[in-house]
Amino acid sequence: MPTSRSSSGRWLLLRLLIALAAMAFLTSGCGGDDSGDAASSTDGSGDSENDGGDGKVDGGTEEDSEEAAEEDVGGDSGELGDACDRISLAELETAFGFAWSEGESTPLRAGTVQCVWSDADPAAPAKIVSLAYGNDDSFEEAFEQSAEEIYDGTKALVEEADILEADLGLGDESYRTEGGIYVLDGDTYYSFSTIGGVSDDAVAGLKAMAATVLGR
């Protein structure tokens, strides 16, 4: 029977997937069953709430686990910096060929920082684009895993048929699904995601965005 710590860790990993893919990753058929299992093991029902065996309930609900995660890894983004500073609006416009609104940053959470931009033109081929990343230090603090272990673990959840390109020539390792591009570069794991944009133009823009960020 899994311990309450392992249930909490599984919930944290699920939160990481959501953050990295800006919801697109999980809705592309990569984790439907896993999300249900994770929810059932952390929603406080059944015996999972008391799995710790020490009389303590340290992760009995999803809300409790989330609050604990934010206490552990929230706050200042530290050496990771602000994700919105990794690429300028002018560089985004060059990559995609149309204008974007100012990015909205998310501070360190679940081992990653994130920036989300929305398009400034309703006719644009992509509606939302996001950049999220974390490194060995941030993932070790959040999950006791390296960036490579997180990269490998999240990729293992993707159905083989959903990997549209297995190597984009970015970083040390990379792959693309319909919703995003995922890159391991040294001690850092990057996720570049789009919502409302799976056309050839949107994919080309996302690749150009990733190349710009990794080229810095």
Protein backbone atom coordinates (compact mmCIF):
# COMPACT_ATOMS: atom_id res chain seq x y z
CA MET A 1 0.00 0.00 0.00
CA PRO A 2 1.48 3.44 -0.93
CA THR A 3 2.49 5.76 1.88
CA SER A 4 0.98 9.19 2.36
CA ARG A 5 4.31 10.65 1.29
CA SER A 6 4.24 8.78 -2.01
CA SER A 7 0.63 9.85 -2.59
CA SER A 8 1.62 13.46 -1.96
CA GLY A 9 4.59 13.08 -4.29
CA ARG A 10 2.35 11.72 -7.05
CA TRP A 11 0.03 14.70 -6.63
CA LEU A 12 3.02 17.06 -6.84
CA LEU A 13 4.15 15.40 -10.08
CA LEU A 14 0.66 15.81 -11.51
CA ARG A 15 0.75 19.52 -10.59
CA LEU A 16 4.10 19.78 -12.32
CA LEU A 17 2.67 18.28 -15.51
CA ILE A 18 -0.16 20.80 -15.45
CA ALA A 19 2.23 23.69 -14.95
CA LEU A 20 4.69 22.61 -17.63
CA ALA A 21 2.05 22.04 -20.27
CA ALA A 22 -0.32 24.88 -19.37
CA MET A 23 -3.09 22.28 -19.34
CA ALA A 24 -2.42 21.22 -22.95
CA PHE A 25 -0.18 18.29 -22.04
CA LEU A 26 -2.76 16.41 -19.99
CA THR A 27 -5.63 17.12 -22.37
CA SER A 28 -3.77 15.54 -25.31
CA GLY A 29 -4.42 12.03 -24.01
CA CYS A 30 -1.18 11.68 -22.06
CA GLY A 31 -2.46 11.22 -18.55
CA GLY A 32 -6.17 10.64 -18.30
CA ASP A 33 -6.01 7.45 -16.24
CA ASP A 34 -3.06 8.62 -14.17
CA SER A 35 -4.83 11.79 -13.11
CA GLY A 36 -7.80 9.78 -11.92
CA ASP A 37 -5.57 7.43 -9.92
CA ALA A 38 -3.67 10.32 -8.39
CA ALA A 39 -6.84 12.09 -7.40
CA SER A 40 -8.32 8.97 -5.82
CA SER A 41 -5.16 8.37 -3.81
CA THR A 42 -5.05 11.90 -2.42
CA ASP A 43 -8.64 13.01 -2.01
CA GLY A 44 -8.85 11.88 1.58
CA SER A 45 -11.24 8.99 0.94
CA GLY A 46 -10.59 5.34 1.79
CA ASP A 47 -7.47 4.25 3.64
CA SER A 48 -4.94 6.50 1.89
CA GLU A 49 -5.47 9.25 4.43
CA ASN A 50 -3.94 7.13 7.19
CA ASP A 51 -1.26 5.39 5.14
CA GLY A 52 1.53 7.12 7.07
CA GLY A 53 0.96 4.82 10.00
CA ASP A 54 2.13 7.44 12.52
CA GLY A 55 -1.23 8.94 13.40
CA LYS A 56 -0.53 12.02 11.30
CA VAL A 57 -2.42 13.13 8.25
CA ASP A 58 0.19 15.06 6.28
CA GLY A 59 -1.36 14.89 2.83
CA GLY A 60 -4.88 13.55 3.14
CA THR A 61 -6.43 15.85 0.54
CA GLU A 62 -5.33 17.39 -2.72
CA GLU A 63 -5.72 20.82 -1.14
CA ASP A 64 -3.49 19.90 1.79
CA SER A 65 -0.84 18.49 -0.55
CA GLU A 66 -0.97 21.60 -2.70
CA GLU A 67 -0.63 23.89 0.28
CA ALA A 68 2.31 21.86 1.55
CA ALA A 69 3.94 22.02 -1.89
CA GLU A 70 3.57 25.78 -2.03
CA GLU A 71 5.11 26.09 1.43
CA ASP A 72 8.04 23.93 0.34
CA VAL A 73 8.74 25.39 -3.11
CA GLY A 74 6.78 28.62 -3.38
CA GLY A 75 8.01 32.17 -3.06
CA ASP A 76 11.09 33.74 -4.61
CA SER A 77 12.17 32.15 -7.88
CA GLY A 78 15.81 32.58 -6.84
CA GLU A 79 18.44 31.64 -9.41
CA LEU A 80 15.78 30.57 -11.92
CA GLY A 81 14.78 34.21 -12.36
CA ASP A 82 11.62 35.49 -14.04
CA ALA A 83 10.52 33.26 -16.94
CA CYS A 84 9.12 36.28 -18.78
CA ASP A 85 12.64 37.70 -19.04
CA ARG A 86 13.89 34.72 -21.05
CA ILE A 87 12.44 36.07 -24.29
CA SER A 88 11.35 39.58 -25.27
CA LEU A 89 8.07 40.52 -26.92
CA ALA A 90 10.04 41.54 -30.02
CA GLU A 91 11.64 38.08 -30.13
CA LEU A 92 8.25 36.43 -29.70
CA GLU A 93 6.87 38.52 -32.55
CA THR A 94 9.82 37.49 -34.72
CA ALA A 95 9.29 33.83 -33.84
CA PHE A 96 5.54 33.75 -34.51
CA GLY A 97 5.10 36.62 -36.96
CA PHE A 98 2.48 38.47 -34.89
CA ALA A 99 2.25 40.51 -31.71
CA TRP A 100 1.81 39.21 -28.17
CA SER A 101 0.56 40.87 -25.01
CA GLU A 102 2.87 41.34 -22.02
CA GLY A 103 3.66 38.03 -20.33
CA GLU A 104 2.30 37.03 -16.93
CA SER A 105 4.86 35.32 -14.72
CA THR A 106 4.33 32.68 -12.05
CA PRO A 107 6.90 32.48 -9.24
CA LEU A 108 8.57 29.24 -8.21
CA ARG A 109 6.00 26.50 -7.75
CA ALA A 110 6.35 22.71 -8.09
CA GLY A 111 9.99 23.21 -9.01
CA THR A 112 9.30 25.51 -11.97
CA VAL A 113 8.83 29.14 -12.91
CA GLN A 114 6.49 29.98 -15.77
CA CYS A 115 5.45 32.80 -18.07
CA VAL A 116 2.25 32.86 -20.12
CA TRP A 117 1.58 35.20 -23.04
CA SER A 118 -1.71 35.77 -24.86
CA ASP A 119 -1.93 36.93 -28.46
CA ALA A 120 -2.67 40.54 -29.23
CA ASP A 121 -4.54 39.66 -32.44
CA PRO A 122 -7.72 37.51 -32.39
CA ALA A 123 -6.84 36.23 -35.86
CA ALA A 124 -3.46 34.88 -34.75
CA PRO A 125 -2.83 31.12 -35.22
CA ALA A 126 -1.97 30.62 -31.53
CA LYS A 127 -3.99 32.02 -28.62
CA ILE A 128 -1.75 31.31 -25.64
CA VAL A 129 1.91 30.35 -25.40
CA SER A 130 3.83 29.46 -22.25
CA LEU A 131 7.38 28.85 -21.15
CA ALA A 132 8.13 26.90 -17.96
CA TYR A 133 11.40 25.55 -16.64
CA GLY A 134 13.18 24.23 -13.59
CA ASN A 135 16.64 22.91 -12.82
CA ASP A 136 18.32 20.25 -10.70
CA ASP A 137 18.23 22.41 -7.58
CA SER A 138 14.57 23.39 -7.84
CA PHE A 139 13.37 19.88 -8.73
CA GLU A 140 15.50 18.32 -6.01
CA GLU A 141 13.86 20.62 -3.48
CA ALA A 142 10.37 19.94 -4.81
CA PHE A 143 10.53 16.24 -5.71
CA GLU A 144 13.95 14.93 -4.69
CA GLN A 145 14.63 14.28 -8.39
CA SER A 146 16.94 15.82 -10.97
CA ALA A 147 15.79 17.68 -14.06
CA GLU A 148 16.73 14.63 -16.14
CA GLU A 149 14.63 12.36 -13.93
CA ILE A 150 11.67 14.73 -14.23
CA TYR A 151 12.13 14.91 -18.02
CA ASP A 152 12.31 11.13 -18.34
CA GLY A 153 9.40 10.60 -15.94
CA THR A 154 7.04 12.99 -17.69
CA LYS A 155 8.01 11.69 -21.13
CA ALA A 156 7.23 8.14 -19.97
CA LEU A 157 3.63 9.25 -19.40
CA VAL A 158 3.23 10.24 -23.05
CA GLU A 159 1.79 7.67 -25.43
CA GLU A 160 4.28 6.87 -28.19
CA ALA A 161 1.75 7.88 -30.85
CA ASP A 162 1.45 11.33 -29.22
CA ILE A 163 5.15 12.09 -29.75
CA LEU A 164 5.03 13.81 -33.12
CA GLU A 165 8.76 14.53 -33.31
CA ALA A 166 11.21 12.51 -31.23
CA ASP A 167 14.24 14.79 -31.65
CA LEU A 168 14.09 18.48 -32.50
CA GLY A 169 17.81 19.07 -32.20
CA LEU A 170 17.26 21.31 -29.17
CA GLY A 171 19.35 20.96 -26.01
CA ASP A 172 20.56 17.50 -25.04
CA GLU A 173 17.19 15.82 -25.61
CA SER A 174 13.86 17.07 -26.92
CA TYR A 175 10.50 15.95 -28.28
CA ARG A 176 7.23 17.49 -29.45
CA THR A 177 3.60 16.59 -28.83
CA GLU A 178 0.59 18.34 -30.28
CA GLY A 179 0.51 20.71 -27.33
CA GLY A 180 4.15 21.50 -26.77
CA ILE A 181 7.90 21.09 -26.96
CA TYR A 182 9.88 19.57 -24.08
CA VAL A 183 13.64 19.98 -23.77
CA LEU A 184 16.35 18.76 -21.42
CA ASP A 185 19.36 21.06 -21.63
CA GLY A 186 22.10 20.35 -19.11
CA ASP A 187 20.58 20.65 -15.64
CA THR A 188 17.42 22.41 -16.87
CA TYR A 189 14.09 21.05 -18.14
CA TYR A 190 12.11 23.40 -20.40
CA SER A 191 8.50 23.20 -21.58
CA PHE A 192 7.15 25.36 -24.43
CA SER A 193 3.39 25.01 -24.86
CA THR A 194 0.57 26.42 -26.96
CA ILE A 195 -3.17 26.44 -26.53
CA GLY A 196 -5.37 27.09 -29.55
CA GLY A 197 -2.47 26.69 -31.95
CA VAL A 198 -1.59 23.42 -33.69
CA SER A 199 -1.25 24.71 -37.25
CA ASP A 200 2.06 24.50 -39.11
CA ASP A 201 2.60 28.22 -38.47
CA ALA A 202 1.99 27.83 -34.73
CA VAL A 203 4.36 24.85 -34.51
CA ALA A 204 7.03 26.73 -36.45
CA GLY A 205 6.62 29.68 -34.10
CA LEU A 206 6.96 27.50 -31.02
CA LYS A 207 10.12 25.90 -32.41
CA ALA A 208 11.59 29.33 -33.15
CA MET A 209 10.68 30.48 -29.64
CA ALA A 210 12.39 27.45 -28.10
CA ALA A 211 15.51 27.97 -30.21
CA THR A 212 15.67 31.61 -29.14
CA VAL A 213 15.39 30.81 -25.42
CA LEU A 214 17.90 27.96 -25.57
CA GLY A 215 20.29 30.01 -27.67
CA ARG A 216 20.74 32.62 -24.96
